[in-house]
Amino acid sequence: MLRRLRGEHGFFVLIMENTMASCQKCGAGNASSTTNCTTCGTSIKVEQTDLSALWRIRFDLVEKAGGPQLPYIKRLRAGERLRLMWNFWALLFGPFYYIAKGMWRKALVISFSTVALTIFINKAAPSGDLDFFANNIGYAANALFTVFANIDYYRKVVLNHKGWW
């Protein structure tokens, strides 16, 4: 469990509390690192297992915004929206970041779609009339990776969503 406290100089400090994860079915206490109840075997909610502090914050923001569809995103402050909707590493590494996080299906679909669309545009307008679009499709794909990385990882870890097929 994460707690946010104001430090001595006014800065916020994140404190990790080592709490027991309780089973929703039988109520037994389990170590926070376990994914299944040691008493009855029921799976324990993933948010209670070991995630880095940054991912816990991001997942809390997704839940505060109403889940992966983000119906209440306007209720978040500007900084919270930025933290939720922007992933620096996904911007830099795009499909490689998705593959490293285990979301290889989406990485492949977006990457192959980008290449196919670029080839199609180059074949459709060999005179170079559409070069601007063909040259910027890669930037658009990286923007997709940047904006959706946190939401997609939430779907993968918390909702156990496998991807697009």
C-alpha atoms as a PDB file:
ATOM      1  CA  MET A   1       0.000   0.000   0.000  1.00  0.00           C
ATOM      2  CA  LEU A   2       1.351   3.432  -0.898  1.00  0.00           C
ATOM      3  CA  ARG A   3       0.902   6.460   1.292  1.00  0.00           C
ATOM      4  CA  ARG A   4       1.715   9.984   0.271  1.00  0.00           C
ATOM      5  CA  LEU A   5       2.940  12.190   3.121  1.00  0.00           C
ATOM      6  CA  ARG A   6       4.225  15.748   3.179  1.00  0.00           C
ATOM      7  CA  GLY A   7       7.915  15.701   4.099  1.00  0.00           C
ATOM      8  CA  GLU A   8       9.718  18.141   6.357  1.00  0.00           C
ATOM      9  CA  HIS A   9      10.501  20.619   3.538  1.00  0.00           C
ATOM     10  CA  GLY A  10       7.039  20.534   1.995  1.00  0.00           C
ATOM     11  CA  PHE A  11       7.851  17.851  -0.567  1.00  0.00           C
ATOM     12  CA  PHE A  12       5.652  14.809  -0.906  1.00  0.00           C
ATOM     13  CA  VAL A  13       7.174  11.513   0.115  1.00  0.00           C
ATOM     14  CA  LEU A  14       5.878   8.132  -0.996  1.00  0.00           C
ATOM     15  CA  ILE A  15       6.028   5.474   1.676  1.00  0.00           C
ATOM     16  CA  MET A  16       5.582   1.791   0.906  1.00  0.00           C
ATOM     17  CA  GLU A  17       3.706   0.002   3.652  1.00  0.00           C
ATOM     18  CA  ASN A  18       4.221  -3.732   3.877  1.00  0.00           C
ATOM     19  CA  THR A  19       0.611  -4.800   4.275  1.00  0.00           C
ATOM     20  CA  MET A  20      -1.004  -8.173   4.176  1.00  0.00           C
ATOM     21  CA  ALA A  21      -3.251  -8.870   1.198  1.00  0.00           C
ATOM     22  CA  SER A  22      -6.508 -10.341   2.434  1.00  0.00           C
ATOM     23  CA  CYS A  23      -8.462 -12.839   0.367  1.00  0.00           C
ATOM     24  CA  GLN A  24     -11.819 -11.540  -0.805  1.00  0.00           C
ATOM     25  CA  LYS A  25     -13.375 -15.005  -0.569  1.00  0.00           C
ATOM     26  CA  CYS A  26     -12.214 -16.411   2.768  1.00  0.00           C
ATOM     27  CA  GLY A  27     -10.652 -13.322   4.399  1.00  0.00           C
ATOM     28  CA  ALA A  28      -7.336 -15.019   5.178  1.00  0.00           C
ATOM     29  CA  GLY A  29      -4.219 -12.837   5.325  1.00  0.00           C
ATOM     30  CA  ASN A  30      -1.537 -13.480   2.721  1.00  0.00           C
ATOM     31  CA  ALA A  31       1.854 -11.963   1.987  1.00  0.00           C
ATOM     32  CA  SER A  32       1.585  -8.995  -0.349  1.00  0.00           C
ATOM     33  CA  SER A  33       3.772 -10.779  -2.897  1.00  0.00           C
ATOM     34  CA  THR A  34       1.417 -13.742  -3.403  1.00  0.00           C
ATOM     35  CA  THR A  35      -1.053 -13.854  -6.266  1.00  0.00           C
ATOM     36  CA  ASN A  36      -3.214 -16.724  -4.914  1.00  0.00           C
ATOM     37  CA  CYS A  37      -4.670 -17.206  -1.435  1.00  0.00           C
ATOM     38  CA  THR A  38      -2.665 -19.730   0.554  1.00  0.00           C
ATOM     39  CA  THR A  39      -5.841 -20.993   2.253  1.00  0.00           C
ATOM     40  CA  CYS A  40      -8.442 -21.374  -0.512  1.00  0.00           C
ATOM     41  CA  GLY A  41      -6.441 -20.773  -3.714  1.00  0.00           C
ATOM     42  CA  THR A  42      -8.540 -17.831  -4.966  1.00  0.00           C
ATOM     43  CA  SER A  43      -6.561 -15.313  -6.986  1.00  0.00           C
ATOM     44  CA  ILE A  44      -5.759 -12.104  -5.115  1.00  0.00           C
ATOM     45  CA  LYS A  45      -6.196  -8.745  -6.806  1.00  0.00           C
ATOM     46  CA  VAL A  46      -3.024  -7.839  -8.704  1.00  0.00           C
ATOM     47  CA  GLU A  47      -2.768  -4.313  -7.298  1.00  0.00           C
ATOM     48  CA  GLN A  48      -1.838  -5.888  -3.993  1.00  0.00           C
ATOM     49  CA  THR A  49       1.133  -7.786  -5.402  1.00  0.00           C
ATOM     50  CA  ASP A  50       4.589  -6.377  -5.917  1.00  0.00           C
ATOM     51  CA  LEU A  51       4.595  -3.538  -8.410  1.00  0.00           C
ATOM     52  CA  SER A  52       6.976  -0.628  -8.461  1.00  0.00           C
ATOM     53  CA  ALA A  53       5.806   2.529  -6.735  1.00  0.00           C
ATOM     54  CA  LEU A  54       5.489   4.323 -10.070  1.00  0.00           C
ATOM     55  CA  TRP A  55       3.218   1.641 -11.541  1.00  0.00           C
ATOM     56  CA  ARG A  56       1.085   1.610  -8.404  1.00  0.00           C
ATOM     57  CA  ILE A  57       0.611   5.364  -8.748  1.00  0.00           C
ATOM     58  CA  ARG A  58      -0.290   5.007 -12.419  1.00  0.00           C
ATOM     59  CA  PHE A  59      -2.731   2.177 -11.689  1.00  0.00           C
ATOM     60  CA  ASP A  60      -4.338   4.234  -8.914  1.00  0.00           C
ATOM     61  CA  LEU A  61      -4.771   7.081 -11.398  1.00  0.00           C
ATOM     62  CA  VAL A  62      -6.427   4.731 -13.898  1.00  0.00           C
ATOM     63  CA  GLU A  63      -8.849   3.612 -11.209  1.00  0.00           C
ATOM     64  CA  LYS A  64      -9.436   7.194 -10.080  1.00  0.00           C
ATOM     65  CA  ALA A  65     -10.289   8.056 -13.698  1.00  0.00           C
ATOM     66  CA  GLY A  66     -12.880   5.267 -13.792  1.00  0.00           C
ATOM     67  CA  GLY A  67     -10.924   2.373 -15.300  1.00  0.00           C
ATOM     68  CA  PRO A  68      -9.247   1.907 -18.684  1.00  0.00           C
ATOM     69  CA  GLN A  69     -12.046   3.709 -20.559  1.00  0.00           C
ATOM     70  CA  LEU A  70     -11.220   6.840 -18.456  1.00  0.00           C
ATOM     71  CA  PRO A  71     -14.775   8.227 -18.128  1.00  0.00           C
ATOM     72  CA  TYR A  72     -13.750  10.507 -15.233  1.00  0.00           C
ATOM     73  CA  ILE A  73     -10.399  11.728 -16.537  1.00  0.00           C
ATOM     74  CA  LYS A  74     -11.542  15.359 -16.290  1.00  0.00           C
ATOM     75  CA  ARG A  75     -11.682  14.920 -12.493  1.00  0.00           C
ATOM     76  CA  LEU A  76      -7.917  14.433 -12.400  1.00  0.00           C
ATOM     77  CA  ARG A  77      -5.601  17.387 -11.969  1.00  0.00           C
ATOM     78  CA  ALA A  78      -3.417  18.383 -14.920  1.00  0.00           C
ATOM     79  CA  GLY A  79      -0.308  16.748 -13.442  1.00  0.00           C
ATOM     80  CA  GLU A  80      -2.182  13.534 -12.774  1.00  0.00           C
ATOM     81  CA  ARG A  81      -3.514  13.474 -16.336  1.00  0.00           C
ATOM     82  CA  LEU A  82      -0.008  14.003 -17.672  1.00  0.00           C
ATOM     83  CA  ARG A  83       1.365  11.182 -15.520  1.00  0.00           C
ATOM     84  CA  LEU A  84      -1.453   8.889 -16.648  1.00  0.00           C
ATOM     85  CA  MET A  85      -1.438   9.721 -20.357  1.00  0.00           C
ATOM     86  CA  TRP A  86       2.293  10.146 -20.999  1.00  0.00           C
ATOM     87  CA  ASN A  87       5.027   7.507 -20.849  1.00  0.00           C
ATOM     88  CA  PHE A  88       8.492   8.787 -21.647  1.00  0.00           C
ATOM     89  CA  TRP A  89      10.027   5.348 -22.221  1.00  0.00           C
ATOM     90  CA  ALA A  90       7.248   4.388 -24.620  1.00  0.00           C
ATOM     91  CA  LEU A  91       7.961   7.590 -26.546  1.00  0.00           C
ATOM     92  CA  LEU A  92      11.651   6.742 -26.869  1.00  0.00           C
ATOM     93  CA  PHE A  93      11.390   3.029 -27.571  1.00  0.00           C
ATOM     94  CA  GLY A  94       7.849   2.584 -28.951  1.00  0.00           C
ATOM     95  CA  PRO A  95       7.252  -1.043 -29.936  1.00  0.00           C
ATOM     96  CA  PHE A  96      10.362  -2.245 -28.075  1.00  0.00           C
ATOM     97  CA  TYR A  97       8.924  -0.873 -24.828  1.00  0.00           C
ATOM     98  CA  TYR A  98       5.665  -2.727 -25.446  1.00  0.00           C
ATOM     99  CA  ILE A  99       7.561  -5.946 -26.172  1.00  0.00           C
ATOM    100  CA  ALA A 100       9.619  -5.526 -22.970  1.00  0.00           C
ATOM    101  CA  LYS A 101       6.400  -5.128 -20.967  1.00  0.00           C
ATOM    102  CA  GLY A 102       4.910  -8.268 -22.524  1.00  0.00           C
ATOM    103  CA  MET A 103       2.471  -6.477 -24.839  1.00  0.00           C
ATOM    104  CA  TRP A 104       4.075  -7.807 -27.999  1.00  0.00           C
ATOM    105  CA  ARG A 105       0.783  -8.357 -29.858  1.00  0.00           C
ATOM    106  CA  LYS A 106      -0.078  -4.667 -29.906  1.00  0.00           C
ATOM    107  CA  ALA A 107       3.526  -3.793 -30.717  1.00  0.00           C
ATOM    108  CA  LEU A 108       3.474  -6.068 -33.750  1.00  0.00           C
ATOM    109  CA  VAL A 109       0.049  -4.918 -34.962  1.00  0.00           C
ATOM    110  CA  ILE A 110       0.880  -1.211 -34.715  1.00  0.00           C
ATOM    111  CA  SER A 111       4.362  -1.663 -36.210  1.00  0.00           C
ATOM    112  CA  PHE A 112       3.209  -3.767 -39.156  1.00  0.00           C
ATOM    113  CA  SER A 113       0.271  -1.438 -39.756  1.00  0.00           C
ATOM    114  CA  THR A 114       2.651   1.520 -39.819  1.00  0.00           C
ATOM    115  CA  VAL A 115       4.932  -0.170 -42.338  1.00  0.00           C
ATOM    116  CA  ALA A 116       2.009  -1.334 -44.492  1.00  0.00           C
ATOM    117  CA  LEU A 117       0.437   2.134 -44.506  1.00  0.00           C
ATOM    118  CA  THR A 118       3.732   3.751 -45.444  1.00  0.00           C
ATOM    119  CA  ILE A 119       4.234   1.302 -48.324  1.00  0.00           C
ATOM    120  CA  PHE A 120       0.650   1.821 -49.488  1.00  0.00           C
ATOM    121  CA  ILE A 121       1.020   5.616 -49.507  1.00  0.00           C
ATOM    122  CA  ASN A 122       4.318   5.403 -51.399  1.00  0.00           C
ATOM    123  CA  LYS A 123       2.773   3.081 -54.000  1.00  0.00           C
ATOM    124  CA  ALA A 124      -0.437   5.138 -54.289  1.00  0.00           C
ATOM    125  CA  ALA A 125       1.411   8.381 -54.939  1.00  0.00           C
ATOM    126  CA  PRO A 126       4.819   7.543 -56.468  1.00  0.00           C
ATOM    127  CA  SER A 127       5.240  11.166 -57.559  1.00  0.00           C
ATOM    128  CA  GLY A 128       5.794  12.193 -53.943  1.00  0.00           C
ATOM    129  CA  ASP A 129       2.546  14.096 -53.438  1.00  0.00           C
ATOM    130  CA  LEU A 130       1.895  12.315 -50.151  1.00  0.00           C
ATOM    131  CA  ASP A 131       5.469  12.133 -48.836  1.00  0.00           C
ATOM    132  CA  PHE A 132       4.542  14.321 -45.878  1.00  0.00           C
ATOM    133  CA  PHE A 133       2.053  11.703 -44.651  1.00  0.00           C
ATOM    134  CA  ALA A 134       4.321   8.765 -45.386  1.00  0.00           C
ATOM    135  CA  ASN A 135       7.199  10.371 -43.494  1.00  0.00           C
ATOM    136  CA  ASN A 136       5.125  11.200 -40.400  1.00  0.00           C
ATOM    137  CA  ILE A 137       3.279   7.915 -39.892  1.00  0.00           C
ATOM    138  CA  GLY A 138       6.079   6.670 -37.640  1.00  0.00           C
ATOM    139  CA  TYR A 139       5.695   9.710 -35.403  1.00  0.00           C
ATOM    140  CA  ALA A 140       1.964   9.049 -35.139  1.00  0.00           C
ATOM    141  CA  ALA A 141       2.627   5.424 -34.181  1.00  0.00           C
ATOM    142  CA  ASN A 142       5.066   6.509 -31.457  1.00  0.00           C
ATOM    143  CA  ALA A 143       2.455   8.967 -30.195  1.00  0.00           C
ATOM    144  CA  LEU A 144       0.037   6.022 -29.889  1.00  0.00           C
ATOM    145  CA  PHE A 145       2.598   4.041 -27.897  1.00  0.00           C
ATOM    146  CA  THR A 146       3.285   7.056 -25.655  1.00  0.00           C
ATOM    147  CA  VAL A 147      -0.334   7.837 -24.851  1.00  0.00           C
ATOM    148  CA  PHE A 148      -1.664   4.297 -24.430  1.00  0.00           C
ATOM    149  CA  ALA A 149       1.283   2.514 -22.756  1.00  0.00           C
ATOM    150  CA  ASN A 150       0.101   3.034 -19.169  1.00  0.00           C
ATOM    151  CA  ILE A 151      -3.510   2.112 -19.949  1.00  0.00           C
ATOM    152  CA  ASP A 152      -2.492  -0.963 -21.944  1.00  0.00           C
ATOM    153  CA  TYR A 153      -0.162  -2.141 -19.186  1.00  0.00           C
ATOM    154  CA  TYR A 154      -3.000  -1.687 -16.666  1.00  0.00           C
ATOM    155  CA  ARG A 155      -5.221  -3.841 -18.869  1.00  0.00           C
ATOM    156  CA  LYS A 156      -2.520  -6.491 -19.114  1.00  0.00           C
ATOM    157  CA  VAL A 157      -1.606  -6.661 -15.421  1.00  0.00           C
ATOM    158  CA  VAL A 158      -4.885  -5.917 -13.641  1.00  0.00           C
ATOM    159  CA  LEU A 159      -7.529  -7.079 -16.102  1.00  0.00           C
ATOM    160  CA  ASN A 160      -5.397  -9.898 -17.581  1.00  0.00           C
ATOM    161  CA  HIS A 161      -6.154  -8.651 -21.110  1.00  0.00           C
ATOM    162  CA  LYS A 162      -3.968 -10.403 -23.688  1.00  0.00           C
ATOM    163  CA  GLY A 163      -4.029  -7.859 -26.485  1.00  0.00           C
ATOM    164  CA  TRP A 164      -5.794  -7.597 -29.769  1.00  0.00           C
ATOM    165  CA  TRP A 165      -6.133 -11.281 -30.578  1.00  0.00           C
END
